């Protein structure tokens, strides 16, 4: 790994540090409040509290992938970074960031579940896609890493389209995606896809998703290789 790539990775980390602190503060505060409410309602019949850490992570990654284009690319190029290094460093950053966020989130979940099991608390539940599979710490990490990497890369590509081709180019791509989804639901094949996915869901799907995400991210090179620091409005 070259010095420029290391410098870019350091810049990406420091650039999101504040938003990351705010995100985890809000998320952990919400988790704490939910646990307090669960404790208060413990003796109420048929009551339980559920919480989903992954959903917040996925939304954050989608937003981060989109705004990274405007925040990171112009500054990196202005500081003399080559487009090749920008492309490779962002890919490494997205994958490493997804893995680290997944490790932290699922470690927090495992610690809380362990404490609750010792206390005999069965009314506080964590919701996760892994509940449909073999719900282990490693399975959850793998699932969250693949999905966060996907959201980061997909919305990064969408953000690149808006940045380089303006509202017209970005609007056309967004409209095409929306029409594709609406057509899928209208004709029923998208419903069938989700039903088939639910019935055959396994960890293999998420390994494949990582490969698909790498392909999606590689498409961004077509735009990055000719991108300028002045974005189209």
Protein backbone atom coordinates (compact mmCIF):
# COMPACT_ATOMS: atom_id res chain seq x y z
CA UNK A 1 0.00 0.00 0.00
CA UNK A 2 1.52 3.31 -1.09
CA UNK A 3 2.01 6.35 1.11
CA UNK A 4 -0.61 8.31 -0.84
CA UNK A 5 -3.20 5.58 -0.31
CA UNK A 6 -2.41 5.49 3.42
CA UNK A 7 -2.75 9.27 3.56
CA UNK A 8 -6.11 9.12 1.81
CA UNK A 9 -7.37 6.45 4.20
CA UNK A 10 -6.31 8.62 7.14
CA UNK A 11 -8.17 11.57 5.61
CA UNK A 12 -11.36 9.54 5.11
CA UNK A 13 -11.27 8.35 8.72
CA UNK A 14 -10.69 11.81 10.21
CA UNK A 15 -13.28 13.35 7.89
CA UNK A 16 -16.12 11.16 9.20
CA UNK A 17 -14.98 11.09 12.83
CA UNK A 18 -17.46 13.71 14.04
CA UNK A 19 -20.47 12.24 12.21
CA UNK A 20 -19.48 8.80 13.47
CA UNK A 21 -19.39 10.02 17.07
CA UNK A 22 -22.81 11.64 16.67
CA UNK A 23 -24.24 8.50 15.03
CA UNK A 24 -23.05 6.12 17.76
CA UNK A 25 -24.11 8.55 20.50
CA UNK A 26 -27.65 8.71 19.13
CA UNK A 27 -27.82 4.97 18.43
CA UNK A 28 -26.51 3.89 21.84
CA UNK A 29 -28.75 6.45 23.56
CA UNK A 30 -31.76 5.00 21.73
CA UNK A 31 -30.65 1.50 22.73
CA UNK A 32 -30.28 2.55 26.36
CA UNK A 33 -33.73 4.18 26.42
CA UNK A 34 -35.26 1.04 24.88
CA UNK A 35 -33.61 -1.11 27.56
CA UNK A 36 -34.94 1.18 30.31
CA UNK A 37 -38.46 1.01 28.88
CA UNK A 38 -38.15 -2.78 28.67
CA UNK A 39 -37.07 -2.92 32.32
CA UNK A 40 -40.05 -0.78 33.38
CA UNK A 41 -42.51 -2.94 31.44
CA UNK A 42 -40.99 -6.29 32.42
CA UNK A 43 -43.87 -7.22 34.67
CA UNK A 44 -46.54 -6.31 32.12
CA UNK A 45 -48.04 -9.45 30.60
CA UNK A 46 -47.08 -10.29 26.99
CA UNK A 47 -44.86 -7.23 26.67
CA UNK A 48 -41.48 -7.24 24.97
CA UNK A 49 -39.10 -4.74 23.42
CA UNK A 50 -37.28 -5.25 20.12
CA UNK A 51 -34.37 -3.26 18.74
CA UNK A 52 -32.53 -3.40 15.42
CA UNK A 53 -28.94 -2.17 15.31
CA UNK A 54 -28.34 -3.14 11.64
CA UNK A 55 -31.09 -0.97 10.15
CA UNK A 56 -29.50 2.19 11.53
CA UNK A 57 -26.11 1.05 10.23
CA UNK A 58 -27.46 0.43 6.73
CA UNK A 59 -29.10 3.87 6.56
CA UNK A 60 -25.93 5.57 7.82
CA UNK A 61 -23.80 3.74 5.24
CA UNK A 62 -26.15 4.70 2.42
CA UNK A 63 -25.96 8.38 3.38
CA UNK A 64 -22.19 8.20 3.90
CA UNK A 65 -21.64 6.57 0.50
CA UNK A 66 -23.63 9.33 -1.21
CA UNK A 67 -22.01 12.33 0.51
CA UNK A 68 -18.48 10.88 0.30
CA UNK A 69 -18.40 11.90 -3.36
CA UNK A 70 -18.74 15.61 -2.66
CA UNK A 71 -16.71 15.61 0.55
CA UNK A 72 -13.76 13.36 -0.29
CA UNK A 73 -13.08 13.31 -4.03
CA UNK A 74 -12.61 17.06 -4.79
CA UNK A 75 -10.34 17.54 -1.76
CA UNK A 76 -8.29 14.43 -2.56
CA UNK A 77 -7.70 15.47 -6.17
CA UNK A 78 -6.97 19.05 -5.13
CA UNK A 79 -4.29 17.75 -2.77
CA UNK A 80 -2.60 15.92 -5.65
CA UNK A 81 -3.98 12.38 -5.27
CA UNK A 82 -4.22 10.38 -8.47
CA UNK A 83 -7.64 9.15 -9.51
CA UNK A 84 -6.38 5.57 -9.39
CA UNK A 85 -5.39 5.97 -5.75
CA UNK A 86 -8.70 7.68 -4.94
CA UNK A 87 -10.57 4.75 -6.49
CA UNK A 88 -8.53 2.05 -4.73
CA UNK A 89 -8.39 3.82 -1.35
CA UNK A 90 -12.16 4.40 -1.27
CA UNK A 91 -12.79 0.74 -2.10
CA UNK A 92 -10.50 -0.35 0.74
CA UNK A 93 -12.10 2.20 3.07
CA UNK A 94 -15.66 1.08 2.30
CA UNK A 95 -14.88 -2.59 2.90
CA UNK A 96 -12.81 -1.97 6.04
CA UNK A 97 -15.38 0.49 7.40
CA UNK A 98 -18.19 -2.04 6.85
CA UNK A 99 -16.23 -4.74 8.66
CA UNK A 100 -15.32 -2.51 11.63
CA UNK A 101 -18.87 -1.19 12.06
CA UNK A 102 -20.19 -4.74 11.91
CA UNK A 103 -17.68 -5.97 14.49
CA UNK A 104 -18.53 -3.15 16.90
CA UNK A 105 -22.32 -3.42 16.50
CA UNK A 106 -22.47 -7.18 16.87
CA UNK A 107 -20.05 -7.18 19.79
CA UNK A 108 -22.34 -4.70 21.56
CA UNK A 109 -25.33 -6.93 20.80
CA UNK A 110 -23.55 -10.04 22.08
CA UNK A 111 -22.50 -8.30 25.32
CA UNK A 112 -26.05 -7.08 26.00
CA UNK A 113 -27.55 -10.48 25.17
CA UNK A 114 -25.05 -12.13 27.54
CA UNK A 115 -25.96 -9.73 30.36
CA UNK A 116 -29.69 -10.26 29.77
CA UNK A 117 -29.26 -14.03 29.77
CA UNK A 118 -27.52 -13.84 33.15
CA UNK A 119 -30.32 -11.63 34.46
CA UNK A 120 -32.98 -13.96 33.07
CA UNK A 121 -34.42 -11.18 30.88
CA UNK A 122 -36.20 -12.67 27.85
CA UNK A 123 -38.31 -9.66 26.89
CA UNK A 124 -35.61 -7.62 25.11
CA UNK A 125 -34.99 -8.91 21.60
CA UNK A 126 -32.55 -7.88 18.89
CA UNK A 127 -33.93 -8.05 15.36
CA UNK A 128 -31.50 -9.24 12.70
CA UNK A 129 -31.59 -10.97 9.32
CA UNK A 130 -29.47 -13.68 10.93
CA UNK A 131 -32.57 -14.68 12.92
CA UNK A 132 -33.68 -16.41 9.71
CA UNK A 133 -30.43 -18.36 9.56
CA UNK A 134 -27.91 -19.74 12.02
CA UNK A 135 -27.90 -16.77 14.39
CA UNK A 136 -24.27 -16.62 15.49
CA UNK A 137 -21.93 -13.67 16.03
CA UNK A 138 -19.89 -14.61 12.97
CA UNK A 139 -22.98 -14.93 10.77
CA UNK A 140 -24.24 -11.52 11.84
CA UNK A 141 -20.84 -9.94 11.17
CA UNK A 142 -20.70 -11.43 7.69
CA UNK A 143 -24.26 -10.36 6.83
CA UNK A 144 -23.82 -6.80 8.10
CA UNK A 145 -20.45 -6.39 6.42
CA UNK A 146 -21.82 -7.47 3.04
CA UNK A 147 -24.93 -5.27 3.28
CA UNK A 148 -23.09 -2.17 4.52
CA UNK A 149 -20.47 -2.59 1.82
CA UNK A 150 -23.31 -2.82 -0.72
CA UNK A 151 -25.08 0.32 0.51
CA UNK A 152 -21.83 2.29 0.64
CA UNK A 153 -20.87 1.29 -2.91
CA UNK A 154 -24.33 1.61 -4.47
CA UNK A 155 -25.03 5.07 -3.08
CA UNK A 156 -21.46 6.14 -3.83
CA UNK A 157 -22.07 5.26 -7.49
CA UNK A 158 -25.38 7.13 -7.37
CA UNK A 159 -23.66 10.15 -5.81
CA UNK A 160 -20.97 10.04 -8.51
CA UNK A 161 -23.68 10.14 -11.18
CA UNK A 162 -25.25 13.25 -9.63
CA UNK A 163 -21.82 14.86 -9.14
CA UNK A 164 -20.54 14.24 -12.66
CA UNK A 165 -23.72 14.46 -14.72
CA UNK A 166 -25.79 16.83 -12.62
CA UNK A 167 -29.45 16.60 -11.70
CA UNK A 168 -30.39 15.42 -15.18
CA UNK A 169 -28.00 12.45 -15.20
CA UNK A 170 -28.68 11.57 -11.57
CA UNK A 171 -32.41 12.00 -12.03
CA UNK A 172 -32.44 9.70 -15.07
CA UNK A 173 -30.57 6.96 -13.16
CA UNK A 174 -32.78 7.34 -10.08
CA UNK A 175 -35.91 7.32 -12.24
CA UNK A 176 -34.74 4.20 -14.06
CA UNK A 177 -34.18 2.42 -10.73
CA UNK A 178 -37.61 3.46 -9.43
CA UNK A 179 -39.32 2.36 -12.66
CA UNK A 180 -37.47 -0.95 -12.52
CA UNK A 181 -38.70 -1.57 -8.96
CA UNK A 182 -42.29 -0.48 -9.73
CA UNK A 183 -42.38 -2.67 -12.85
CA UNK A 184 -41.07 -5.60 -10.82
CA UNK A 185 -43.82 -5.24 -8.24
CA UNK A 186 -46.52 -4.59 -10.85
CA UNK A 187 -45.62 -7.68 -12.87
CA UNK A 188 -45.07 -9.79 -9.76
CA UNK A 189 -41.60 -11.12 -10.53
CA UNK A 190 -40.04 -8.97 -7.81
CA UNK A 191 -42.44 -10.49 -5.26
CA UNK A 192 -41.47 -13.93 -6.52
CA UNK A 193 -37.81 -13.04 -6.20
CA UNK A 194 -38.18 -12.02 -2.55
CA UNK A 195 -40.26 -15.10 -1.76
CA UNK A 196 -37.64 -17.31 -3.40
CA UNK A 197 -34.90 -15.43 -1.54
CA UNK A 198 -36.69 -15.95 1.78
CA UNK A 199 -37.20 -19.65 1.14
CA UNK A 200 -33.62 -20.30 0.01
CA UNK A 201 -31.79 -17.72 2.12
CA UNK A 202 -28.35 -18.81 3.24
CA UNK A 203 -24.96 -17.30 3.99
CA UNK A 204 -23.95 -18.06 0.40
CA UNK A 205 -26.24 -15.24 -0.77
CA UNK A 206 -24.28 -12.67 1.24
CA UNK A 207 -20.93 -13.95 -0.06
CA UNK A 208 -22.33 -13.51 -3.55
CA UNK A 209 -23.54 -10.04 -2.58
CA UNK A 210 -19.96 -9.05 -1.78
CA UNK A 211 -18.87 -10.13 -5.26
CA UNK A 212 -21.79 -8.21 -6.82
CA UNK A 213 -20.85 -5.15 -4.76
CA UNK A 214 -17.25 -5.31 -5.96
CA UNK A 215 -18.59 -5.28 -9.53
CA UNK A 216 -20.88 -2.32 -8.73
CA UNK A 217 -17.99 -0.41 -7.17
CA UNK A 218 -15.72 -1.18 -10.14
CA UNK A 219 -18.21 0.63 -12.39
CA UNK A 220 -17.41 3.84 -10.50
CA UNK A 221 -13.95 3.81 -12.08
CA UNK A 222 -15.55 4.78 -15.41
CA UNK A 223 -16.60 8.07 -13.79
CA UNK A 224 -13.70 8.61 -11.39
CA UNK A 225 -11.01 8.27 -14.07
CA UNK A 226 -12.27 11.47 -15.77
CA UNK A 227 -13.81 13.28 -12.83
CA UNK A 228 -12.98 16.92 -12.11
CA UNK A 229 -13.10 18.98 -8.92
CA UNK A 230 -15.89 21.09 -10.40
CA UNK A 231 -19.12 19.10 -10.26
CA UNK A 232 -22.01 19.53 -12.67
CA UNK A 233 -25.10 21.22 -11.27
